Amino acid sequence: MKKINCILIIVAVLGIVFAFSLFSKEGIAINVNSKNKDLVSKSLNGEIENTDDVTKIILGQGWHSGELTIYHSLGKTETLYITEGMFNLGELEKYIRENGYNLDNIGFISIGVSSIILIYLLIYMYVNKNKS
């Protein structure tokens, strides 16, 4: 088997593992940037210590419903739970739902690409087997 095929197998397997890790997070994510930094700072002020170094927020769905996972620039992770009466976090939740990206969709795309790679490899092996 050629080196490229081995590399493709590794890429496909890693893609599937990556997809399942995204499925386990069950959420909608946003990257914190200059467009939404003010809203994030205003919403999380008083809820967490430092709002300046927040890089990503994931709003949980399914089993993680009502959960905000907050990622900081130095690898620190915090989890907040949205309950009734938390109006600032409610605004942030609405913003994330409207402007965020669904992690499940990225997982499906990753599985699709990995499947295409694996199908290509199966066809390649079948064609080369018949040539011999």
C-alpha atoms as a PDB file:
ATOM      1  CA  MET A   1       0.000   0.000   0.000  1.00  0.00           C
ATOM      2  CA  LYS A   2       1.311   3.399  -0.878  1.00  0.00           C
ATOM      3  CA  LYS A   3       2.282   5.965   1.734  1.00  0.00           C
ATOM      4  CA  ILE A   4      -0.495   8.285   0.605  1.00  0.00           C
ATOM      5  CA  ASN A   5      -3.085   5.605   1.337  1.00  0.00           C
ATOM      6  CA  CYS A   6      -1.719   5.129   4.847  1.00  0.00           C
ATOM      7  CA  ILE A   7      -1.880   8.869   5.399  1.00  0.00           C
ATOM      8  CA  LEU A   8      -5.466   8.954   4.112  1.00  0.00           C
ATOM      9  CA  ILE A   9      -6.448   6.166   6.501  1.00  0.00           C
ATOM     10  CA  ILE A  10      -4.963   8.091   9.419  1.00  0.00           C
ATOM     11  CA  VAL A  11      -6.746  11.287   8.333  1.00  0.00           C
ATOM     12  CA  ALA A  12     -10.069   9.451   8.014  1.00  0.00           C
ATOM     13  CA  VAL A  13      -9.781   7.825  11.436  1.00  0.00           C
ATOM     14  CA  LEU A  14      -8.785  11.113  13.072  1.00  0.00           C
ATOM     15  CA  GLY A  15     -11.717  12.815  11.334  1.00  0.00           C
ATOM     16  CA  ILE A  16     -14.132  10.288  12.783  1.00  0.00           C
ATOM     17  CA  VAL A  17     -12.650  10.663  16.276  1.00  0.00           C
ATOM     18  CA  PHE A  18     -12.872  14.456  15.924  1.00  0.00           C
ATOM     19  CA  ALA A  19     -16.518  14.187  14.856  1.00  0.00           C
ATOM     20  CA  PHE A  20     -17.469  12.090  17.857  1.00  0.00           C
ATOM     21  CA  SER A  21     -15.709  14.518  20.192  1.00  0.00           C
ATOM     22  CA  LEU A  22     -17.854  17.303  18.715  1.00  0.00           C
ATOM     23  CA  PHE A  23     -21.009  15.209  19.089  1.00  0.00           C
ATOM     24  CA  SER A  24     -20.230  14.700  22.774  1.00  0.00           C
ATOM     25  CA  LYS A  25     -20.086  18.466  23.372  1.00  0.00           C
ATOM     26  CA  GLU A  26     -23.653  18.933  22.087  1.00  0.00           C
ATOM     27  CA  GLY A  27     -23.833  22.634  21.580  1.00  0.00           C
ATOM     28  CA  ILE A  28     -23.715  25.847  19.646  1.00  0.00           C
ATOM     29  CA  ALA A  29     -20.433  27.727  19.764  1.00  0.00           C
ATOM     30  CA  ILE A  30     -19.262  31.250  19.104  1.00  0.00           C
ATOM     31  CA  ASN A  31     -15.766  32.593  18.914  1.00  0.00           C
ATOM     32  CA  VAL A  32     -15.419  35.791  20.889  1.00  0.00           C
ATOM     33  CA  ASN A  33     -14.145  38.597  18.680  1.00  0.00           C
ATOM     34  CA  SER A  34     -14.413  42.364  18.358  1.00  0.00           C
ATOM     35  CA  LYS A  35     -18.038  42.145  17.148  1.00  0.00           C
ATOM     36  CA  ASN A  36     -19.354  40.419  20.244  1.00  0.00           C
ATOM     37  CA  LYS A  37     -16.734  41.234  22.888  1.00  0.00           C
ATOM     38  CA  ASP A  38     -18.884  43.958  24.489  1.00  0.00           C
ATOM     39  CA  LEU A  39     -21.944  41.712  24.773  1.00  0.00           C
ATOM     40  CA  VAL A  40     -19.864  38.875  26.221  1.00  0.00           C
ATOM     41  CA  SER A  41     -18.167  41.175  28.738  1.00  0.00           C
ATOM     42  CA  LYS A  42     -21.477  42.757  29.755  1.00  0.00           C
ATOM     43  CA  SER A  43     -23.249  39.407  30.066  1.00  0.00           C
ATOM     44  CA  LEU A  44     -20.514  37.573  31.946  1.00  0.00           C
ATOM     45  CA  ASN A  45     -19.488  40.462  34.188  1.00  0.00           C
ATOM     46  CA  GLY A  46     -20.001  39.311  37.759  1.00  0.00           C
ATOM     47  CA  GLU A  47     -20.451  35.684  36.695  1.00  0.00           C
ATOM     48  CA  ILE A  48     -16.773  34.941  36.053  1.00  0.00           C
ATOM     49  CA  GLU A  49     -13.556  36.565  37.252  1.00  0.00           C
ATOM     50  CA  ASN A  50     -11.949  37.699  34.013  1.00  0.00           C
ATOM     51  CA  THR A  51     -14.015  38.432  30.918  1.00  0.00           C
ATOM     52  CA  ASP A  52     -11.107  39.897  28.939  1.00  0.00           C
ATOM     53  CA  ASP A  53      -9.470  36.626  27.916  1.00  0.00           C
ATOM     54  CA  VAL A  54     -12.593  34.684  26.864  1.00  0.00           C
ATOM     55  CA  THR A  55     -11.997  33.112  23.445  1.00  0.00           C
ATOM     56  CA  LYS A  56     -14.952  30.773  22.871  1.00  0.00           C
ATOM     57  CA  ILE A  57     -18.333  30.026  24.418  1.00  0.00           C
ATOM     58  CA  ILE A  58     -20.370  26.869  23.875  1.00  0.00           C
ATOM     59  CA  LEU A  59     -24.071  26.873  24.706  1.00  0.00           C
ATOM     60  CA  GLY A  60     -25.048  23.331  25.603  1.00  0.00           C
ATOM     61  CA  GLN A  61     -27.969  21.473  24.053  1.00  0.00           C
ATOM     62  CA  GLY A  62     -29.511  18.097  24.750  1.00  0.00           C
ATOM     63  CA  TRP A  63     -28.009  16.633  27.905  1.00  0.00           C
ATOM     64  CA  HIS A  64     -26.029  19.846  28.400  1.00  0.00           C
ATOM     65  CA  SER A  65     -28.997  22.185  28.006  1.00  0.00           C
ATOM     66  CA  GLY A  66     -28.640  25.486  29.842  1.00  0.00           C
ATOM     67  CA  GLU A  67     -24.914  25.070  30.261  1.00  0.00           C
ATOM     68  CA  LEU A  68     -22.392  27.675  29.117  1.00  0.00           C
ATOM     69  CA  THR A  69     -18.860  26.387  28.705  1.00  0.00           C
ATOM     70  CA  ILE A  70     -16.443  29.291  28.601  1.00  0.00           C
ATOM     71  CA  TYR A  71     -12.941  28.869  27.188  1.00  0.00           C
ATOM     72  CA  HIS A  72     -10.165  31.284  28.134  1.00  0.00           C
ATOM     73  CA  SER A  73      -7.022  32.070  26.167  1.00  0.00           C
ATOM     74  CA  LEU A  74      -4.705  30.262  28.579  1.00  0.00           C
ATOM     75  CA  GLY A  75      -6.599  26.970  28.415  1.00  0.00           C
ATOM     76  CA  LYS A  76      -8.790  27.576  31.442  1.00  0.00           C
ATOM     77  CA  THR A  77     -12.392  26.378  31.141  1.00  0.00           C
ATOM     78  CA  GLU A  78     -15.379  27.453  33.216  1.00  0.00           C
ATOM     79  CA  THR A  79     -18.962  26.233  33.228  1.00  0.00           C
ATOM     80  CA  LEU A  80     -22.000  28.344  34.067  1.00  0.00           C
ATOM     81  CA  TYR A  81     -25.602  27.221  34.237  1.00  0.00           C
ATOM     82  CA  ILE A  82     -28.370  29.454  32.932  1.00  0.00           C
ATOM     83  CA  THR A  83     -31.397  29.573  35.194  1.00  0.00           C
ATOM     84  CA  GLU A  84     -34.519  31.706  35.135  1.00  0.00           C
ATOM     85  CA  GLY A  85     -33.957  35.308  36.090  1.00  0.00           C
ATOM     86  CA  MET A  86     -30.442  35.537  34.681  1.00  0.00           C
ATOM     87  CA  PHE A  87     -31.328  38.187  32.119  1.00  0.00           C
ATOM     88  CA  ASN A  88     -27.760  39.030  31.079  1.00  0.00           C
ATOM     89  CA  LEU A  89     -27.012  35.404  30.302  1.00  0.00           C
ATOM     90  CA  GLY A  90     -30.368  35.149  28.533  1.00  0.00           C
ATOM     91  CA  GLU A  91     -29.262  37.856  26.094  1.00  0.00           C
ATOM     92  CA  LEU A  92     -26.009  36.014  25.505  1.00  0.00           C
ATOM     93  CA  GLU A  93     -27.900  32.746  24.999  1.00  0.00           C
ATOM     94  CA  LYS A  94     -30.127  34.381  22.374  1.00  0.00           C
ATOM     95  CA  TYR A  95     -27.091  35.850  20.604  1.00  0.00           C
ATOM     96  CA  ILE A  96     -25.324  32.478  20.551  1.00  0.00           C
ATOM     97  CA  ARG A  97     -28.415  30.714  19.168  1.00  0.00           C
ATOM     98  CA  GLU A  98     -28.759  33.300  16.381  1.00  0.00           C
ATOM     99  CA  ASN A  99     -25.092  33.726  15.435  1.00  0.00           C
ATOM    100  CA  GLY A 100     -23.290  30.590  16.596  1.00  0.00           C
ATOM    101  CA  TYR A 101     -22.323  27.483  14.698  1.00  0.00           C
ATOM    102  CA  ASN A 102     -23.706  24.082  15.589  1.00  0.00           C
ATOM    103  CA  LEU A 103     -20.991  21.617  16.585  1.00  0.00           C
ATOM    104  CA  ASP A 104     -23.107  18.679  15.395  1.00  0.00           C
ATOM    105  CA  ASN A 105     -23.096  20.062  11.841  1.00  0.00           C
ATOM    106  CA  ILE A 106     -19.314  20.249  11.866  1.00  0.00           C
ATOM    107  CA  GLY A 107     -19.237  16.679  13.166  1.00  0.00           C
ATOM    108  CA  PHE A 108     -21.483  15.488  10.328  1.00  0.00           C
ATOM    109  CA  ILE A 109     -19.256  17.214   7.781  1.00  0.00           C
ATOM    110  CA  SER A 110     -16.194  15.584   9.314  1.00  0.00           C
ATOM    111  CA  ILE A 111     -17.805  12.140   9.182  1.00  0.00           C
ATOM    112  CA  GLY A 112     -18.875  12.777   5.582  1.00  0.00           C
ATOM    113  CA  VAL A 113     -15.365  13.699   4.478  1.00  0.00           C
ATOM    114  CA  SER A 114     -13.895  10.733   6.348  1.00  0.00           C
ATOM    115  CA  SER A 115     -16.441   8.413   4.735  1.00  0.00           C
ATOM    116  CA  ILE A 116     -15.584   9.694   1.271  1.00  0.00           C
ATOM    117  CA  ILE A 117     -11.900   9.058   1.964  1.00  0.00           C
ATOM    118  CA  LEU A 118     -12.612   5.531   3.197  1.00  0.00           C
ATOM    119  CA  ILE A 119     -14.849   4.755   0.197  1.00  0.00           C
ATOM    120  CA  TYR A 120     -12.106   5.995  -2.122  1.00  0.00           C
ATOM    121  CA  LEU A 121      -9.606   3.707  -0.391  1.00  0.00           C
ATOM    122  CA  LEU A 122     -11.939   0.706  -0.646  1.00  0.00           C
ATOM    123  CA  ILE A 123     -12.469   1.317  -4.359  1.00  0.00           C
ATOM    124  CA  TYR A 124      -8.731   1.787  -4.843  1.00  0.00           C
ATOM    125  CA  MET A 125      -7.994  -1.508  -3.081  1.00  0.00           C
ATOM    126  CA  TYR A 126     -10.695  -3.330  -5.087  1.00  0.00           C
ATOM    127  CA  VAL A 127      -9.420  -2.003  -8.423  1.00  0.00           C
ATOM    128  CA  ASN A 128      -5.812  -2.883  -7.609  1.00  0.00           C
ATOM    129  CA  LYS A 129      -6.843  -6.341  -6.400  1.00  0.00           C
ATOM    130  CA  ASN A 130      -8.571  -7.053  -9.723  1.00  0.00           C
ATOM    131  CA  LYS A 131      -5.531  -5.871 -11.717  1.00  0.00           C
ATOM    132  CA  SER A 132      -3.325  -8.528 -10.115  1.00  0.00           C
END
